[in-house]
Full PDB file with SEQRES, HELIX, SHEET, SSBOND, CRYST1, ORIGX, SCALE, CONECT and MASTER records, all heavy atoms in Angstrom:
SEQRES   1 A   34  VAL GLN VAL CYS ALA SER THR LEU LEU LYS ASN PHE GLY          
SEQRES   2 A   34  LEU PRO LEU GLU GLY ILE THR TYR LYS ILE ALA GLY ILE          
SEQRES   3 A   34  ASN HIS MET GLY TRP LEU LEU GLU                              
HELIX    1 AA1 CYS A    4  ASN A   11  1                                   8    
SHEET    1 AA1 2 ILE A  23  ILE A  26  0                                        
SHEET    2 AA1 2 MET A  29  LEU A  32 -1                                        
CRYST1    1.000    1.000    1.000  90.00  90.00  90.00 P 1           1          
ORIGX1      1.000000  0.000000  0.000000        0.00000                         
ORIGX2      0.000000  1.000000  0.000000        0.00000                         
ORIGX3      0.000000  0.000000  1.000000        0.00000                         
SCALE1      1.000000  0.000000  0.000000        0.00000                         
SCALE2      0.000000  1.000000  0.000000        0.00000                         
SCALE3      0.000000  0.000000  1.000000        0.00000                         
ATOM      1  N   VAL A   1     -12.898  -1.370  -9.832  1.00  0.00           N  
ATOM      2  CA  VAL A   1     -13.161  -2.841  -9.787  1.00  0.00           C  
ATOM      3  C   VAL A   1     -11.871  -3.595  -9.522  1.00  0.00           C  
ATOM      4  O   VAL A   1     -11.812  -4.484  -8.679  1.00  0.00           O  
ATOM      5  CB  VAL A   1     -13.826  -3.287 -11.076  1.00  0.00           C  
ATOM      6  CG1 VAL A   1     -13.891  -4.775 -11.184  1.00  0.00           C  
ATOM      7  CG2 VAL A   1     -15.197  -2.706 -11.254  1.00  0.00           C  
ATOM      8  N   GLN A   2     -10.805  -3.272 -10.233  1.00  0.00           N  
ATOM      9  CA  GLN A   2      -9.576  -4.080 -10.168  1.00  0.00           C  
ATOM     10  C   GLN A   2      -8.848  -3.982  -8.738  1.00  0.00           C  
ATOM     11  O   GLN A   2      -7.976  -4.731  -8.532  1.00  0.00           O  
ATOM     12  CB  GLN A   2      -8.651  -3.756 -11.309  1.00  0.00           C  
ATOM     13  CG  GLN A   2      -8.171  -2.346 -11.456  1.00  0.00           C  
ATOM     14  CD  GLN A   2      -9.008  -1.595 -12.471  1.00  0.00           C  
ATOM     15  OE1 GLN A   2     -10.213  -1.527 -12.364  1.00  0.00           O  
ATOM     16  NE2 GLN A   2      -8.316  -0.951 -13.426  1.00  0.00           N  
ATOM     17  N   VAL A   3      -9.179  -2.939  -8.006  1.00  0.00           N  
ATOM     18  CA  VAL A   3      -8.548  -2.788  -6.718  1.00  0.00           C  
ATOM     19  C   VAL A   3      -9.485  -3.030  -5.512  1.00  0.00           C  
ATOM     20  O   VAL A   3      -9.052  -2.926  -4.403  1.00  0.00           O  
ATOM     21  CB  VAL A   3      -7.885  -1.367  -6.594  1.00  0.00           C  
ATOM     22  CG1 VAL A   3      -6.789  -1.163  -7.680  1.00  0.00           C  
ATOM     23  CG2 VAL A   3      -8.940  -0.248  -6.570  1.00  0.00           C  
ATOM     24  N   CYS A   4     -10.659  -3.417  -5.814  1.00  0.00           N  
ATOM     25  CA  CYS A   4     -11.681  -3.568  -4.732  1.00  0.00           C  
ATOM     26  C   CYS A   4     -11.296  -4.687  -3.738  1.00  0.00           C  
ATOM     27  O   CYS A   4     -11.135  -4.439  -2.560  1.00  0.00           O  
ATOM     28  CB  CYS A   4     -13.033  -3.841  -5.316  1.00  0.00           C  
ATOM     29  SG  CYS A   4     -14.332  -4.163  -4.124  1.00  0.00           S  
ATOM     30  N   ALA A   5     -11.123  -5.880  -4.282  1.00  0.00           N  
ATOM     31  CA  ALA A   5     -10.866  -7.047  -3.401  1.00  0.00           C  
ATOM     32  C   ALA A   5      -9.530  -6.856  -2.703  1.00  0.00           C  
ATOM     33  O   ALA A   5      -9.414  -7.155  -1.482  1.00  0.00           O  
ATOM     34  CB  ALA A   5     -10.816  -8.306  -4.212  1.00  0.00           C  
ATOM     35  N   SER A   6      -8.518  -6.341  -3.397  1.00  0.00           N  
ATOM     36  CA  SER A   6      -7.168  -6.189  -2.760  1.00  0.00           C  
ATOM     37  C   SER A   6      -7.223  -5.128  -1.664  1.00  0.00           C  
ATOM     38  O   SER A   6      -6.588  -5.240  -0.635  1.00  0.00           O  
ATOM     39  CB  SER A   6      -6.122  -5.846  -3.794  1.00  0.00           C  
ATOM     40  OG  SER A   6      -6.463  -4.563  -4.443  1.00  0.00           O  
ATOM     41  N   THR A   7      -8.020  -4.057  -1.873  1.00  0.00           N  
ATOM     42  CA  THR A   7      -8.147  -3.065  -0.833  1.00  0.00           C  
ATOM     43  C   THR A   7      -8.761  -3.667   0.468  1.00  0.00           C  
ATOM     44  O   THR A   7      -8.300  -3.391   1.581  1.00  0.00           O  
ATOM     45  CB  THR A   7      -8.938  -1.860  -1.303  1.00  0.00           C  
ATOM     46  OG1 THR A   7      -8.334  -1.306  -2.474  1.00  0.00           O  
ATOM     47  CG2 THR A   7      -9.152  -0.797  -0.235  1.00  0.00           C  
ATOM     48  N   LEU A   8      -9.810  -4.401   0.291  1.00  0.00           N  
ATOM     49  CA  LEU A   8     -10.481  -5.023   1.465  1.00  0.00           C  
ATOM     50  C   LEU A   8      -9.528  -5.963   2.182  1.00  0.00           C  
ATOM     51  O   LEU A   8      -9.442  -5.946   3.446  1.00  0.00           O  
ATOM     52  CB  LEU A   8     -11.728  -5.788   0.968  1.00  0.00           C  
ATOM     53  CG  LEU A   8     -12.490  -6.555   2.064  1.00  0.00           C  
ATOM     54  CD1 LEU A   8     -12.935  -5.626   3.149  1.00  0.00           C  
ATOM     55  CD2 LEU A   8     -13.658  -7.313   1.472  1.00  0.00           C  
ATOM     56  N   LEU A   9      -8.779  -6.745   1.514  1.00  0.00           N  
ATOM     57  CA  LEU A   9      -7.868  -7.676   2.132  1.00  0.00           C  
ATOM     58  C   LEU A   9      -6.736  -6.931   2.837  1.00  0.00           C  
ATOM     59  O   LEU A   9      -6.344  -7.242   4.048  1.00  0.00           O  
ATOM     60  CB  LEU A   9      -7.276  -8.622   1.101  1.00  0.00           C  
ATOM     61  CG  LEU A   9      -8.257  -9.666   0.525  1.00  0.00           C  
ATOM     62  CD1 LEU A   9      -7.652 -10.347  -0.668  1.00  0.00           C  
ATOM     63  CD2 LEU A   9      -8.683 -10.650   1.567  1.00  0.00           C  
ATOM     64  N   LYS A  10      -6.215  -5.840   2.214  1.00  0.00           N  
ATOM     65  CA  LYS A  10      -5.180  -5.047   2.873  1.00  0.00           C  
ATOM     66  C   LYS A  10      -5.704  -4.376   4.087  1.00  0.00           C  
ATOM     67  O   LYS A  10      -4.936  -4.125   5.079  1.00  0.00           O  
ATOM     68  CB  LYS A  10      -4.625  -4.021   1.856  1.00  0.00           C  
ATOM     69  CG  LYS A  10      -3.817  -4.619   0.753  1.00  0.00           C  
ATOM     70  CD  LYS A  10      -3.397  -3.587  -0.296  1.00  0.00           C  
ATOM     71  CE  LYS A  10      -2.643  -4.242  -1.440  1.00  0.00           C  
ATOM     72  NZ  LYS A  10      -2.301  -3.250  -2.497  1.00  0.00           N  
ATOM     73  N   ASN A  11      -7.004  -4.047   4.151  1.00  0.00           N  
ATOM     74  CA  ASN A  11      -7.570  -3.376   5.333  1.00  0.00           C  
ATOM     75  C   ASN A  11      -7.309  -4.202   6.582  1.00  0.00           C  
ATOM     76  O   ASN A  11      -7.189  -3.683   7.673  1.00  0.00           O  
ATOM     77  CB  ASN A  11      -9.119  -3.206   5.092  1.00  0.00           C  
ATOM     78  CG  ASN A  11      -9.495  -2.000   4.317  1.00  0.00           C  
ATOM     79  OD1 ASN A  11      -8.588  -1.073   4.114  1.00  0.00           O  
ATOM     80  ND2 ASN A  11     -10.707  -1.960   3.847  1.00  0.00           N  
ATOM     81  N   PHE A  12      -7.307  -5.542   6.381  1.00  0.00           N  
ATOM     82  CA  PHE A  12      -7.145  -6.423   7.580  1.00  0.00           C  
ATOM     83  C   PHE A  12      -5.835  -7.211   7.538  1.00  0.00           C  
ATOM     84  O   PHE A  12      -5.679  -8.207   8.281  1.00  0.00           O  
ATOM     85  CB  PHE A  12      -8.329  -7.338   7.603  1.00  0.00           C  
ATOM     86  CG  PHE A  12      -9.674  -6.673   7.728  1.00  0.00           C  
ATOM     87  CD1 PHE A  12     -10.584  -6.685   6.714  1.00  0.00           C  
ATOM     88  CD2 PHE A  12      -9.966  -5.988   8.903  1.00  0.00           C  
ATOM     89  CE1 PHE A  12     -11.826  -6.003   6.863  1.00  0.00           C  
ATOM     90  CE2 PHE A  12     -11.155  -5.336   9.083  1.00  0.00           C  
ATOM     91  CZ  PHE A  12     -12.032  -5.323   8.052  1.00  0.00           C  
ATOM     92  N   GLY A  13      -4.928  -6.738   6.703  1.00  0.00           N  
ATOM     93  CA  GLY A  13      -3.554  -7.361   6.684  1.00  0.00           C  
ATOM     94  C   GLY A  13      -3.557  -8.794   6.135  1.00  0.00           C  
ATOM     95  O   GLY A  13      -2.686  -9.607   6.528  1.00  0.00           O  
ATOM     96  N   LEU A  14      -4.447  -9.146   5.235  1.00  0.00           N  
ATOM     97  CA  LEU A  14      -4.540 -10.501   4.688  1.00  0.00           C  
ATOM     98  C   LEU A  14      -3.809 -10.575   3.390  1.00  0.00           C  
ATOM     99  O   LEU A  14      -3.757  -9.623   2.579  1.00  0.00           O  
ATOM    100  CB  LEU A  14      -6.020 -10.853   4.483  1.00  0.00           C  
ATOM    101  CG  LEU A  14      -6.842 -10.908   5.798  1.00  0.00           C  
ATOM    102  CD1 LEU A  14      -8.277 -11.234   5.484  1.00  0.00           C  
ATOM    103  CD2 LEU A  14      -6.296 -11.977   6.768  1.00  0.00           C  
ATOM    104  N   PRO A  15      -3.208 -11.725   3.051  1.00  0.00           N  
ATOM    105  CA  PRO A  15      -2.481 -11.861   1.781  1.00  0.00           C  
ATOM    106  C   PRO A  15      -3.430 -11.858   0.589  1.00  0.00           C  
ATOM    107  O   PRO A  15      -4.639 -12.203   0.687  1.00  0.00           O  
ATOM    108  CB  PRO A  15      -1.778 -13.201   1.950  1.00  0.00           C  
ATOM    109  CG  PRO A  15      -2.620 -13.964   2.913  1.00  0.00           C  
ATOM    110  CD  PRO A  15      -3.139 -12.941   3.896  1.00  0.00           C  
ATOM    111  N   LEU A  16      -2.847 -11.539  -0.600  1.00  0.00           N  
ATOM    112  CA  LEU A  16      -3.596 -11.526  -1.828  1.00  0.00           C  
ATOM    113  C   LEU A  16      -3.515 -12.737  -2.640  1.00  0.00           C  
ATOM    114  O   LEU A  16      -4.232 -12.899  -3.709  1.00  0.00           O  
ATOM    115  CB  LEU A  16      -3.120 -10.283  -2.649  1.00  0.00           C  
ATOM    116  CG  LEU A  16      -3.112  -8.939  -1.966  1.00  0.00           C  
ATOM    117  CD1 LEU A  16      -2.615  -7.826  -2.953  1.00  0.00           C  
ATOM    118  CD2 LEU A  16      -4.453  -8.575  -1.308  1.00  0.00           C  
ATOM    119  N   GLU A  17      -2.622 -13.647  -2.312  1.00  0.00           N  
ATOM    120  CA  GLU A  17      -2.409 -14.820  -3.140  1.00  0.00           C  
ATOM    121  C   GLU A  17      -3.642 -15.727  -3.242  1.00  0.00           C  
ATOM    122  O   GLU A  17      -4.382 -15.900  -2.255  1.00  0.00           O  
ATOM    123  CB  GLU A  17      -1.248 -15.665  -2.579  1.00  0.00           C  
ATOM    124  CG  GLU A  17       0.145 -14.979  -2.761  1.00  0.00           C  
ATOM    125  CD  GLU A  17       0.368 -13.869  -1.747  1.00  0.00           C  
ATOM    126  OE1 GLU A  17      -0.373 -13.859  -0.713  1.00  0.00           O  
ATOM    127  OE2 GLU A  17       1.196 -13.041  -2.036  1.00  0.00           O  
ATOM    128  N   GLY A  18      -3.878 -16.232  -4.455  1.00  0.00           N  
ATOM    129  CA  GLY A  18      -4.964 -17.235  -4.664  1.00  0.00           C  
ATOM    130  C   GLY A  18      -6.389 -16.625  -4.643  1.00  0.00           C  
ATOM    131  O   GLY A  18      -7.343 -17.440  -4.530  1.00  0.00           O  
ATOM    132  N   ILE A  19      -6.456 -15.325  -4.771  1.00  0.00           N  
ATOM    133  CA  ILE A  19      -7.793 -14.667  -4.662  1.00  0.00           C  
ATOM    134  C   ILE A  19      -8.521 -14.634  -5.980  1.00  0.00           C  
ATOM    135  O   ILE A  19      -7.962 -14.302  -7.046  1.00  0.00           O  
ATOM    136  CB  ILE A  19      -7.662 -13.220  -4.115  1.00  0.00           C  
ATOM    137  CG1 ILE A  19      -7.202 -13.257  -2.669  1.00  0.00           C  
ATOM    138  CG2 ILE A  19      -8.907 -12.447  -4.257  1.00  0.00           C  
ATOM    139  CD1 ILE A  19      -8.201 -13.898  -1.761  1.00  0.00           C  
ATOM    140  N   THR A  20      -9.814 -15.031  -5.953  1.00  0.00           N  
ATOM    141  CA  THR A  20     -10.770 -14.752  -7.055  1.00  0.00           C  
ATOM    142  C   THR A  20     -11.958 -14.050  -6.512  1.00  0.00           C  
ATOM    143  O   THR A  20     -12.280 -14.180  -5.347  1.00  0.00           O  
ATOM    144  CB  THR A  20     -11.126 -16.095  -7.747  1.00  0.00           C  
ATOM    145  OG1 THR A  20     -11.754 -16.946  -6.779  1.00  0.00           O  
ATOM    146  CG2 THR A  20      -9.990 -16.801  -8.412  1.00  0.00           C  
ATOM    147  N   TYR A  21     -12.629 -13.316  -7.400  1.00  0.00           N  
ATOM    148  CA  TYR A  21     -13.790 -12.554  -6.917  1.00  0.00           C  
ATOM    149  C   TYR A  21     -14.859 -12.351  -8.025  1.00  0.00           C  
ATOM    150  O   TYR A  21     -14.553 -12.487  -9.222  1.00  0.00           O  
ATOM    151  CB  TYR A  21     -13.359 -11.208  -6.342  1.00  0.00           C  
ATOM    152  CG  TYR A  21     -12.570 -10.319  -7.344  1.00  0.00           C  
ATOM    153  CD1 TYR A  21     -13.241  -9.504  -8.266  1.00  0.00           C  
ATOM    154  CD2 TYR A  21     -11.221 -10.300  -7.298  1.00  0.00           C  
ATOM    155  CE1 TYR A  21     -12.511  -8.752  -9.153  1.00  0.00           C  
ATOM    156  CE2 TYR A  21     -10.493  -9.521  -8.224  1.00  0.00           C  
ATOM    157  CZ  TYR A  21     -11.135  -8.709  -9.085  1.00  0.00           C  
ATOM    158  OH  TYR A  21     -10.467  -7.965  -9.986  1.00  0.00           O  
ATOM    159  N   LYS A  22     -16.012 -11.956  -7.642  1.00  0.00           N  
ATOM    160  CA  LYS A  22     -17.089 -11.637  -8.547  1.00  0.00           C  
ATOM    161  C   LYS A  22     -17.668 -10.294  -8.163  1.00  0.00           C  
ATOM    162  O   LYS A  22     -17.933 -10.087  -6.916  1.00  0.00           O  
ATOM    163  CB  LYS A  22     -18.202 -12.660  -8.509  1.00  0.00           C  
ATOM    164  CG  LYS A  22     -19.439 -12.359  -9.396  1.00  0.00           C  
ATOM    165  CD  LYS A  22     -20.524 -13.364  -9.298  1.00  0.00           C  
ATOM    166  CE  LYS A  22     -21.704 -12.943 -10.134  1.00  0.00           C  
ATOM    167  NZ  LYS A  22     -22.844 -13.954  -9.997  1.00  0.00           N  
ATOM    168  N   ILE A  23     -17.743  -9.374  -9.045  1.00  0.00           N  
ATOM    169  CA  ILE A  23     -18.303  -7.994  -8.815  1.00  0.00           C  
ATOM    170  C   ILE A  23     -19.396  -7.664  -9.816  1.00  0.00           C  
ATOM    171  O   ILE A  23     -19.188  -7.936 -11.010  1.00  0.00           O  
ATOM    172  CB  ILE A  23     -17.151  -6.940  -8.873  1.00  0.00           C  
ATOM    173  CG1 ILE A  23     -16.225  -7.125  -7.689  1.00  0.00           C  
ATOM    174  CG2 ILE A  23     -17.702  -5.533  -8.857  1.00  0.00           C  
ATOM    175  CD1 ILE A  23     -14.986  -6.233  -7.708  1.00  0.00           C  
ATOM    176  N   ALA A  24     -20.439  -7.025  -9.343  1.00  0.00           N  
ATOM    177  CA  ALA A  24     -21.490  -6.556 -10.265  1.00  0.00           C  
ATOM    178  C   ALA A  24     -22.300  -5.525  -9.506  1.00  0.00           C  
ATOM    179  O   ALA A  24     -22.395  -5.468  -8.298  1.00  0.00           O  
ATOM    180  CB  ALA A  24     -22.408  -7.702 -10.703  1.00  0.00           C  
ATOM    181  N   GLY A  25     -22.883  -4.589 -10.244  1.00  0.00           N  
ATOM    182  CA  GLY A  25     -23.709  -3.514  -9.732  1.00  0.00           C  
ATOM    183  C   GLY A  25     -23.674  -2.349 -10.709  1.00  0.00           C  
ATOM    184  O   GLY A  25     -23.915  -2.481 -11.871  1.00  0.00           O  
ATOM    185  N   ILE A  26     -23.417  -1.145 -10.119  1.00  0.00           N  
ATOM    186  CA  ILE A  26     -23.274   0.043 -11.012  1.00  0.00           C  
ATOM    187  C   ILE A  26     -21.926   0.699 -10.663  1.00  0.00           C  
ATOM    188  O   ILE A  26     -21.347   0.398  -9.643  1.00  0.00           O  
ATOM    189  CB  ILE A  26     -24.429   1.008 -10.738  1.00  0.00           C  
ATOM    190  CG1 ILE A  26     -24.505   1.477  -9.305  1.00  0.00           C  
ATOM    191  CG2 ILE A  26     -25.767   0.448 -11.205  1.00  0.00           C  
ATOM    192  CD1 ILE A  26     -25.543   2.579  -9.004  1.00  0.00           C  
ATOM    193  N   ASN A  27     -21.500   1.576 -11.601  1.00  0.00           N  
ATOM    194  CA  ASN A  27     -20.236   2.239 -11.337  1.00  0.00           C  
ATOM    195  C   ASN A  27     -20.168   2.944 -10.027  1.00  0.00           C  
ATOM    196  O   ASN A  27     -21.070   3.674  -9.660  1.00  0.00           O  
ATOM    197  CB  ASN A  27     -19.932   3.215 -12.487  1.00  0.00           C  
ATOM    198  CG  ASN A  27     -18.599   3.947 -12.277  1.00  0.00           C  
ATOM    199  OD1 ASN A  27     -18.539   5.109 -12.186  1.00  0.00           O  
ATOM    200  ND2 ASN A  27     -17.469   3.145 -12.273  1.00  0.00           N  
ATOM    201  N   HIS A  28     -19.068   2.783  -9.260  1.00  0.00           N  
ATOM    202  CA  HIS A  28     -18.828   3.362  -8.019  1.00  0.00           C  
ATOM    203  C   HIS A  28     -19.683   2.760  -6.893  1.00  0.00           C  
ATOM    204  O   HIS A  28     -19.594   3.061  -5.732  1.00  0.00           O  
ATOM    205  CB  HIS A  28     -19.005   4.882  -7.974  1.00  0.00           C  
ATOM    206  CG  HIS A  28     -17.882   5.596  -8.607  1.00  0.00           C  
ATOM    207  ND1 HIS A  28     -17.719   6.975  -8.609  1.00  0.00           N  
ATOM    208  CD2 HIS A  28     -16.782   5.171  -9.321  1.00  0.00           C  
ATOM    209  CE1 HIS A  28     -16.663   7.333  -9.263  1.00  0.00           C  
ATOM    210  NE2 HIS A  28     -16.067   6.219  -9.701  1.00  0.00           N  
ATOM    211  N   MET A  29     -20.667   1.865  -7.311  1.00  0.00           N  
ATOM    212  CA  MET A  29     -21.467   1.115  -6.287  1.00  0.00           C  
ATOM    213  C   MET A  29     -21.666  -0.259  -6.870  1.00  0.00           C  
ATOM    214  O   MET A  29     -22.758  -0.770  -6.940  1.00  0.00           O  
ATOM    215  CB  MET A  29     -22.829   1.818  -6.024  1.00  0.00           C  
ATOM    216  CG  MET A  29     -23.405   1.296  -4.643  1.00  0.00           C  
ATOM    217  SD  MET A  29     -25.104   1.891  -4.425  1.00  0.00           S  
ATOM    218  CE  MET A  29     -24.841   3.387  -3.539  1.00  0.00           C  
ATOM    219  N   GLY A  30     -20.504  -0.843  -7.252  1.00  0.00           N  
ATOM    220  CA  GLY A  30     -20.524  -2.261  -7.625  1.00  0.00           C  
ATOM    221  C   GLY A  30     -20.228  -3.053  -6.338  1.00  0.00           C  
ATOM    222  O   GLY A  30     -19.581  -2.570  -5.412  1.00  0.00           O  
ATOM    223  N   TRP A  31     -20.829  -4.278  -6.262  1.00  0.00           N  
ATOM    224  CA  TRP A  31     -20.725  -5.064  -5.046  1.00  0.00           C  
ATOM    225  C   TRP A  31     -19.786  -6.246  -5.223  1.00  0.00           C  
ATOM    226  O   TRP A  31     -19.782  -6.972  -6.212  1.00  0.00           O  
ATOM    227  CB  TRP A  31     -22.105  -5.593  -4.680  1.00  0.00           C  
ATOM    228  CG  TRP A  31     -23.115  -4.474  -4.501  1.00  0.00           C  
ATOM    229  CD1 TRP A  31     -24.108  -4.128  -5.452  1.00  0.00           C  
ATOM    230  CD2 TRP A  31     -23.242  -3.556  -3.432  1.00  0.00           C  
ATOM    231  NE1 TRP A  31     -24.783  -3.027  -4.963  1.00  0.00           N  
ATOM    232  CE2 TRP A  31     -24.271  -2.652  -3.756  1.00  0.00           C  
ATOM    233  CE3 TRP A  31     -22.546  -3.373  -2.243  1.00  0.00           C  
ATOM    234  CZ2 TRP A  31     -24.672  -1.620  -2.912  1.00  0.00           C  
ATOM    235  CZ3 TRP A  31     -22.907  -2.351  -1.403  1.00  0.00           C  
ATOM    236  CH2 TRP A  31     -23.942  -1.457  -1.729  1.00  0.00           C  
ATOM    237  N   LEU A  32     -18.862  -6.388  -4.235  1.00  0.00           N  
ATOM    238  CA  LEU A  32     -18.036  -7.574  -4.199  1.00  0.00           C  
ATOM    239  C   LEU A  32     -18.903  -8.760  -3.663  1.00  0.00           C  
ATOM    240  O   LEU A  32     -19.083  -8.949  -2.470  1.00  0.00           O  
ATOM    241  CB  LEU A  32     -16.874  -7.305  -3.224  1.00  0.00           C  
ATOM    242  CG  LEU A  32     -15.799  -8.391  -3.055  1.00  0.00           C  
ATOM    243  CD1 LEU A  32     -15.127  -8.682  -4.422  1.00  0.00           C  
ATOM    244  CD2 LEU A  32     -14.758  -8.023  -2.025  1.00  0.00           C  
ATOM    245  N   LEU A  33     -19.431  -9.456  -4.632  1.00  0.00           N  
ATOM    246  CA  LEU A  33     -20.471 -10.494  -4.328  1.00  0.00           C  
ATOM    247  C   LEU A  33     -19.874 -11.779  -3.801  1.00  0.00           C  
ATOM    248  O   LEU A  33     -20.422 -12.406  -3.020  1.00  0.00           O  
ATOM    249  CB  LEU A  33     -21.297 -10.770  -5.505  1.00  0.00           C  
ATOM    250  CG  LEU A  33     -22.082  -9.551  -6.118  1.00  0.00           C  
ATOM    251  CD1 LEU A  33     -22.712  -9.894  -7.442  1.00  0.00           C  
ATOM    252  CD2 LEU A  33     -23.139  -9.088  -5.094  1.00  0.00           C  
ATOM    253  N   GLU A  34     -18.695 -12.107  -4.342  1.00  0.00           N  
ATOM    254  CA  GLU A  34     -17.979 -13.335  -3.968  1.00  0.00           C  
ATOM    255  C   GLU A  34     -16.504 -13.030  -3.700  1.00  0.00           C  
ATOM    256  O   GLU A  34     -15.888 -12.201  -4.462  1.00  0.00           O  
ATOM    257  CB  GLU A  34     -18.077 -14.412  -4.971  1.00  0.00           C  
ATOM    258  CG  GLU A  34     -19.507 -14.912  -5.200  1.00  0.00           C  
ATOM    259  CD  GLU A  34     -19.604 -15.986  -6.286  1.00  0.00           C  
ATOM    260  OE1 GLU A  34     -18.508 -16.343  -6.849  1.00  0.00           O  
ATOM    261  OE2 GLU A  34     -20.699 -16.440  -6.582  1.00  0.00           O  
TER     262      GLU A  34                                                      
MASTER        0    0    0    1    2    0    0    6  261    1    0    3          
END                                                                             
C-alpha cells in the first residue's frame, strides 16, 4: 500500500511532492481509487 502511488508516478517519471491517495480492496489487489 505505502509504495503503490509512488511506484505508479515513478513509472512515468513524475514527481512525488504533494501527493495524496485513497486505496481500498483486498491484500495484493487493493485499488488506487484516487
